[in-house]
Amino acid sequence: MQIRMLDAAGAAAHAAQLRALLLDAVAHGASVGFVMPLSEAVADAYWRDVARSVEAGSRILLVAWRDHVLVGTVQLDLCMKPNGSNRAEVQKLLVHSVARRGGVATALMEALEMQALALCRGLLFLDTEAGSGAEAFYMRLGYTRVGELPEYCATPDGAWRATAIYYKTLFLRERKGRPQA
C-alpha cells in the first residue's frame, strides 16, 4: 500500500476515484456528512470544495493506493486562525468497503499524524458517530473521548445520532513560541 498527499491538481486528476470512494462509504453506512441518496453531482461538488481548500493551503488530502486502486483517504483541516496554529481537525477518514480491516485506515492516520507534526500541529481533534465501530479504532490510536453531542448528525439513512468528540496531543520536539498576531 502507498500513501500519498494530493495537491489540488492531483485531487482533480483523481476526482472519479474520490467520488467512487465517497459514494461507496455512504452506501455502506459511513456517517460522514451525507445522506442517501447521494448523487454523483453532490459528491463531485464536495471534492471540488476539498481541492479548493487544498489549493488555499488550509487542508491536507492524503490517499491510500493498493495495486493502483484508490482504497482510502483522510483529510487534515488546518486551523488558519492565529490563535489556533497548533491544531487541526481530522476529517473524512474513508476506506472502500472491499479494503476495510486491512490496515488502510491505520496507515492513513499514521501518515496524517506525521503531516501534522511536520506542520507543528500538536493537537488533533475529530468527531465520529457515537457508538460506531470507529470509536474503538480511534481509542486504539490513542485518541481521548471528551464527550458527545446528542442528535448532532444524521446517518446516511436519515436517523439522528449523537457524535462523539475525540482529541489527541502529538508530541512536538520544540514549540515555535507564541502565536503570531
C-alpha atoms as a PDB file:
ATOM      1  CA  MET A   1       0.000   0.000   0.000  1.00  0.00           C
ATOM      2  CA  GLN A   2       1.167   3.507  -0.788  1.00  0.00           C
ATOM      3  CA  ILE A   3       0.052   6.692   0.991  1.00  0.00           C
ATOM      4  CA  ARG A   4       0.369   9.935  -0.982  1.00  0.00           C
ATOM      5  CA  MET A   5      -0.524  13.554  -0.407  1.00  0.00           C
ATOM      6  CA  LEU A   6      -2.525  15.066  -3.257  1.00  0.00           C
ATOM      7  CA  ASP A   7      -2.331  18.684  -4.304  1.00  0.00           C
ATOM      8  CA  ALA A   8      -5.311  20.397  -5.945  1.00  0.00           C
ATOM      9  CA  ALA A   9      -4.300  19.165  -9.411  1.00  0.00           C
ATOM     10  CA  GLY A  10      -3.950  15.624  -8.061  1.00  0.00           C
ATOM     11  CA  ALA A  11      -7.390  15.817  -6.485  1.00  0.00           C
ATOM     12  CA  ALA A  12      -8.819  16.929  -9.825  1.00  0.00           C
ATOM     13  CA  ALA A  13      -6.954  14.198 -11.685  1.00  0.00           C
ATOM     14  CA  HIS A  14      -8.338  11.537  -9.351  1.00  0.00           C
ATOM     15  CA  ALA A  15     -11.824  13.030  -8.997  1.00  0.00           C
ATOM     16  CA  ALA A  16     -13.588   9.941 -10.363  1.00  0.00           C
ATOM     17  CA  GLN A  17     -11.869   7.626  -7.851  1.00  0.00           C
ATOM     18  CA  LEU A  18     -12.512  10.038  -4.958  1.00  0.00           C
ATOM     19  CA  ARG A  19     -16.176  10.276  -5.959  1.00  0.00           C
ATOM     20  CA  ALA A  20     -16.466   6.475  -6.132  1.00  0.00           C
ATOM     21  CA  LEU A  21     -14.866   6.141  -2.707  1.00  0.00           C
ATOM     22  CA  LEU A  22     -17.279   8.630  -1.128  1.00  0.00           C
ATOM     23  CA  LEU A  23     -20.304   7.017  -2.797  1.00  0.00           C
ATOM     24  CA  ASP A  24     -19.179   3.582  -1.556  1.00  0.00           C
ATOM     25  CA  ALA A  25     -18.590   4.822   2.005  1.00  0.00           C
ATOM     26  CA  VAL A  26     -22.000   6.456   2.273  1.00  0.00           C
ATOM     27  CA  ALA A  27     -23.749   3.478   0.636  1.00  0.00           C
ATOM     28  CA  HIS A  28     -22.155   1.255   3.287  1.00  0.00           C
ATOM     29  CA  GLY A  29     -23.353   3.393   6.190  1.00  0.00           C
ATOM     30  CA  ALA A  30     -20.475   5.775   6.885  1.00  0.00           C
ATOM     31  CA  SER A  31     -21.792   8.810   8.723  1.00  0.00           C
ATOM     32  CA  VAL A  32     -19.572  11.399   7.039  1.00  0.00           C
ATOM     33  CA  GLY A  33     -21.959  14.269   6.426  1.00  0.00           C
ATOM     34  CA  PHE A  34     -24.118  12.900   3.604  1.00  0.00           C
ATOM     35  CA  VAL A  35     -27.492  11.178   3.414  1.00  0.00           C
ATOM     36  CA  MET A  36     -28.853   8.782   0.835  1.00  0.00           C
ATOM     37  CA  PRO A  37     -29.399   9.036  -1.971  1.00  0.00           C
ATOM     38  CA  LEU A  38     -26.033  10.684  -2.589  1.00  0.00           C
ATOM     39  CA  SER A  39     -25.758  11.811  -6.196  1.00  0.00           C
ATOM     40  CA  GLU A  40     -22.572  11.847  -8.219  1.00  0.00           C
ATOM     41  CA  ALA A  41     -23.045  15.597  -8.709  1.00  0.00           C
ATOM     42  CA  VAL A  42     -23.101  16.245  -4.948  1.00  0.00           C
ATOM     43  CA  ALA A  43     -20.065  14.001  -4.433  1.00  0.00           C
ATOM     44  CA  ASP A  44     -18.193  15.777  -7.228  1.00  0.00           C
ATOM     45  CA  ALA A  45     -19.055  19.192  -5.758  1.00  0.00           C
ATOM     46  CA  TYR A  46     -17.736  18.052  -2.377  1.00  0.00           C
ATOM     47  CA  TRP A  47     -14.368  17.004  -3.846  1.00  0.00           C
ATOM     48  CA  ARG A  48     -14.101  20.267  -5.804  1.00  0.00           C
ATOM     49  CA  ASP A  49     -14.512  22.122  -2.483  1.00  0.00           C
ATOM     50  CA  VAL A  50     -11.819  19.938  -0.928  1.00  0.00           C
ATOM     51  CA  ALA A  51      -9.485  20.689  -3.865  1.00  0.00           C
ATOM     52  CA  ARG A  52     -10.057  24.429  -3.359  1.00  0.00           C
ATOM     53  CA  SER A  53      -9.151  24.100   0.330  1.00  0.00           C
ATOM     54  CA  VAL A  54      -6.027  22.129  -0.585  1.00  0.00           C
ATOM     55  CA  GLU A  55      -5.064  24.806  -3.096  1.00  0.00           C
ATOM     56  CA  ALA A  56      -5.637  27.516  -0.475  1.00  0.00           C
ATOM     57  CA  GLY A  57      -3.298  25.690   1.899  1.00  0.00           C
ATOM     58  CA  SER A  58      -5.895  25.091   4.584  1.00  0.00           C
ATOM     59  CA  ARG A  59      -6.271  21.350   4.061  1.00  0.00           C
ATOM     60  CA  ILE A  60      -4.076  18.306   3.563  1.00  0.00           C
ATOM     61  CA  LEU A  61      -5.518  15.452   1.466  1.00  0.00           C
ATOM     62  CA  LEU A  62      -3.968  12.022   1.849  1.00  0.00           C
ATOM     63  CA  VAL A  63      -4.920   8.985  -0.224  1.00  0.00           C
ATOM     64  CA  ALA A  64      -4.107   5.295   0.015  1.00  0.00           C
ATOM     65  CA  TRP A  65      -3.396   3.232  -3.091  1.00  0.00           C
ATOM     66  CA  ARG A  66      -3.297  -0.551  -3.268  1.00  0.00           C
ATOM     67  CA  ASP A  67      -2.418  -2.152  -6.597  1.00  0.00           C
ATOM     68  CA  HIS A  68      -3.032   1.181  -8.391  1.00  0.00           C
ATOM     69  CA  VAL A  69      -6.548   1.446  -6.915  1.00  0.00           C
ATOM     70  CA  LEU A  70      -7.536   4.279  -4.579  1.00  0.00           C
ATOM     71  CA  VAL A  71      -8.790   2.485  -1.452  1.00  0.00           C
ATOM     72  CA  GLY A  72      -8.849   5.215   1.178  1.00  0.00           C
ATOM     73  CA  THR A  73      -8.473   8.850   2.079  1.00  0.00           C
ATOM     74  CA  VAL A  74      -8.312  11.201   5.048  1.00  0.00           C
ATOM     75  CA  GLN A  75      -8.045  14.968   5.435  1.00  0.00           C
ATOM     76  CA  LEU A  76      -6.343  17.279   7.869  1.00  0.00           C
ATOM     77  CA  ASP A  77      -8.167  20.608   8.090  1.00  0.00           C
ATOM     78  CA  LEU A  78      -5.719  23.212   9.374  1.00  0.00           C
ATOM     79  CA  CYS A  79      -6.976  25.937  11.674  1.00  0.00           C
ATOM     80  CA  MET A  80      -5.932  29.178   9.973  1.00  0.00           C
ATOM     81  CA  LYS A  81      -6.663  31.498  12.913  1.00  0.00           C
ATOM     82  CA  PRO A  82      -3.556  32.922  14.607  1.00  0.00           C
ATOM     83  CA  ASN A  83      -4.624  31.568  17.990  1.00  0.00           C
ATOM     84  CA  GLY A  84      -5.188  28.077  16.582  1.00  0.00           C
ATOM     85  CA  SER A  85      -1.973  27.431  14.661  1.00  0.00           C
ATOM     86  CA  ASN A  86      -1.266  24.457  16.944  1.00  0.00           C
ATOM     87  CA  ARG A  87      -4.381  22.472  15.989  1.00  0.00           C
ATOM     88  CA  ALA A  88      -6.043  20.671  13.093  1.00  0.00           C
ATOM     89  CA  GLU A  89      -9.198  18.645  12.561  1.00  0.00           C
ATOM     90  CA  VAL A  90      -9.155  15.096  11.217  1.00  0.00           C
ATOM     91  CA  GLN A  91     -11.903  14.790   8.604  1.00  0.00           C
ATOM     92  CA  LYS A  92     -13.455  12.189   6.336  1.00  0.00           C
ATOM     93  CA  LEU A  93     -11.452   9.051   7.018  1.00  0.00           C
ATOM     94  CA  LEU A  94     -12.861   6.843   4.248  1.00  0.00           C
ATOM     95  CA  VAL A  95     -11.873   3.282   3.343  1.00  0.00           C
ATOM     96  CA  HIS A  96     -13.503   1.434   0.452  1.00  0.00           C
ATOM     97  CA  SER A  97     -15.760  -1.380   1.661  1.00  0.00           C
ATOM     98  CA  VAL A  98     -13.638  -4.056  -0.057  1.00  0.00           C
ATOM     99  CA  ALA A  99     -10.458  -2.805   1.649  1.00  0.00           C
ATOM    100  CA  ARG A 100     -11.716  -2.483   5.224  1.00  0.00           C
ATOM    101  CA  ARG A 101      -9.912  -4.233   8.076  1.00  0.00           C
ATOM    102  CA  GLY A 102      -6.735  -4.367   6.010  1.00  0.00           C
ATOM    103  CA  GLY A 103      -4.719  -1.645   7.725  1.00  0.00           C
ATOM    104  CA  VAL A 104      -5.667   1.173   5.351  1.00  0.00           C
ATOM    105  CA  ALA A 105      -7.243   3.411   7.998  1.00  0.00           C
ATOM    106  CA  THR A 106      -4.322   2.904  10.384  1.00  0.00           C
ATOM    107  CA  ALA A 107      -1.774   3.709   7.668  1.00  0.00           C
ATOM    108  CA  LEU A 108      -3.700   6.843   6.678  1.00  0.00           C
ATOM    109  CA  MET A 109      -3.936   8.057  10.281  1.00  0.00           C
ATOM    110  CA  GLU A 110      -0.230   7.429  10.889  1.00  0.00           C
ATOM    111  CA  ALA A 111       0.627   9.432   7.758  1.00  0.00           C
ATOM    112  CA  LEU A 112      -1.797  12.178   8.814  1.00  0.00           C
ATOM    113  CA  GLU A 113      -0.155  12.444  12.221  1.00  0.00           C
ATOM    114  CA  MET A 114       3.287  12.688  10.583  1.00  0.00           C
ATOM    115  CA  GLN A 115       1.993  15.549   8.409  1.00  0.00           C
ATOM    116  CA  ALA A 116       0.515  17.254  11.466  1.00  0.00           C
ATOM    117  CA  LEU A 117       3.838  17.029  13.295  1.00  0.00           C
ATOM    118  CA  ALA A 118       5.709  18.388  10.267  1.00  0.00           C
ATOM    119  CA  LEU A 119       3.345  21.385  10.340  1.00  0.00           C
ATOM    120  CA  CYS A 120       3.707  21.818  14.132  1.00  0.00           C
ATOM    121  CA  ARG A 121       0.060  20.907  14.667  1.00  0.00           C
ATOM    122  CA  GLY A 122       0.284  19.178  18.028  1.00  0.00           C
ATOM    123  CA  LEU A 123      -3.432  18.980  18.827  1.00  0.00           C
ATOM    124  CA  LEU A 124      -5.697  16.912  16.593  1.00  0.00           C
ATOM    125  CA  PHE A 125      -9.437  16.596  17.092  1.00  0.00           C
ATOM    126  CA  LEU A 126     -12.269  14.800  15.333  1.00  0.00           C
ATOM    127  CA  ASP A 127     -15.840  13.711  15.682  1.00  0.00           C
ATOM    128  CA  THR A 128     -17.410  10.397  14.819  1.00  0.00           C
ATOM    129  CA  GLU A 129     -20.790   8.773  15.249  1.00  0.00           C
ATOM    130  CA  ALA A 130     -21.229   7.808  18.907  1.00  0.00           C
ATOM    131  CA  GLY A 131     -21.493   4.065  19.340  1.00  0.00           C
ATOM    132  CA  SER A 132     -19.948   3.280  15.975  1.00  0.00           C
ATOM    133  CA  GLY A 133     -17.024   0.940  15.405  1.00  0.00           C
ATOM    134  CA  ALA A 134     -14.900   3.978  14.645  1.00  0.00           C
ATOM    135  CA  GLU A 135     -14.819   4.850  18.342  1.00  0.00           C
ATOM    136  CA  ALA A 136     -12.785   1.747  19.258  1.00  0.00           C
ATOM    137  CA  PHE A 137     -10.480   2.423  16.300  1.00  0.00           C
ATOM    138  CA  TYR A 138      -9.689   5.981  17.403  1.00  0.00           C
ATOM    139  CA  MET A 139      -9.164   4.883  21.006  1.00  0.00           C
ATOM    140  CA  ARG A 140      -6.678   2.231  19.818  1.00  0.00           C
ATOM    141  CA  LEU A 141      -4.785   5.045  18.082  1.00  0.00           C
ATOM    142  CA  GLY A 142      -4.528   6.989  21.345  1.00  0.00           C
ATOM    143  CA  TYR A 143      -7.366   9.473  20.895  1.00  0.00           C
ATOM    144  CA  THR A 144      -9.231  10.549  24.029  1.00  0.00           C
ATOM    145  CA  ARG A 145     -13.013  10.826  24.098  1.00  0.00           C
ATOM    146  CA  VAL A 146     -14.170  14.078  25.682  1.00  0.00           C
ATOM    147  CA  GLY A 147     -17.918  13.708  25.318  1.00  0.00           C
ATOM    148  CA  GLU A 148     -20.720  13.721  22.830  1.00  0.00           C
ATOM    149  CA  LEU A 149     -23.355  15.978  21.334  1.00  0.00           C
ATOM    150  CA  PRO A 150     -26.853  14.460  21.091  1.00  0.00           C
ATOM    151  CA  GLU A 151     -28.625  14.234  17.740  1.00  0.00           C
ATOM    152  CA  TYR A 152     -25.734  16.047  16.071  1.00  0.00           C
ATOM    153  CA  CYS A 153     -25.813  14.335  12.699  1.00  0.00           C
ATOM    154  CA  ALA A 154     -27.896  12.067  10.525  1.00  0.00           C
ATOM    155  CA  THR A 155     -26.739   8.673   9.322  1.00  0.00           C
ATOM    156  CA  PRO A 156     -26.924   8.020   5.583  1.00  0.00           C
ATOM    157  CA  ASP A 157     -30.414   6.567   6.098  1.00  0.00           C
ATOM    158  CA  GLY A 158     -31.542   9.740   7.908  1.00  0.00           C
ATOM    159  CA  ALA A 159     -31.548   8.613  11.560  1.00  0.00           C
ATOM    160  CA  TRP A 160     -30.319  11.250  14.024  1.00  0.00           C
ATOM    161  CA  ARG A 161     -27.345  10.154  16.109  1.00  0.00           C
ATOM    162  CA  ALA A 162     -25.024  11.600  18.702  1.00  0.00           C
ATOM    163  CA  THR A 163     -21.485  12.450  17.706  1.00  0.00           C
ATOM    164  CA  ALA A 164     -18.503  11.678  19.923  1.00  0.00           C
ATOM    165  CA  ILE A 165     -15.661  14.193  20.166  1.00  0.00           C
ATOM    166  CA  TYR A 166     -12.047  12.990  20.386  1.00  0.00           C
ATOM    167  CA  TYR A 167      -8.624  14.599  20.602  1.00  0.00           C
ATOM    168  CA  LYS A 168      -5.001  13.536  20.560  1.00  0.00           C
ATOM    169  CA  THR A 169      -1.973  15.528  21.607  1.00  0.00           C
ATOM    170  CA  LEU A 170       1.071  14.853  19.470  1.00  0.00           C
ATOM    171  CA  PHE A 171       4.464  15.472  21.000  1.00  0.00           C
ATOM    172  CA  LEU A 172       6.441  18.171  19.267  1.00  0.00           C
ATOM    173  CA  ARG A 173      10.186  18.302  19.799  1.00  0.00           C
ATOM    174  CA  GLU A 174      10.021  22.058  20.320  1.00  0.00           C
ATOM    175  CA  ARG A 175       7.331  24.679  20.437  1.00  0.00           C
ATOM    176  CA  LYS A 176       7.601  27.533  17.984  1.00  0.00           C
ATOM    177  CA  GLY A 177       6.942  30.234  20.583  1.00  0.00           C
ATOM    178  CA  ARG A 178       3.834  32.326  20.804  1.00  0.00           C
ATOM    179  CA  PRO A 179       1.268  32.529  18.014  1.00  0.00           C
ATOM    180  CA  GLN A 180       1.804  35.326  15.520  1.00  0.00           C
ATOM    181  CA  ALA A 181      -0.545  38.312  15.773  1.00  0.00           C
END
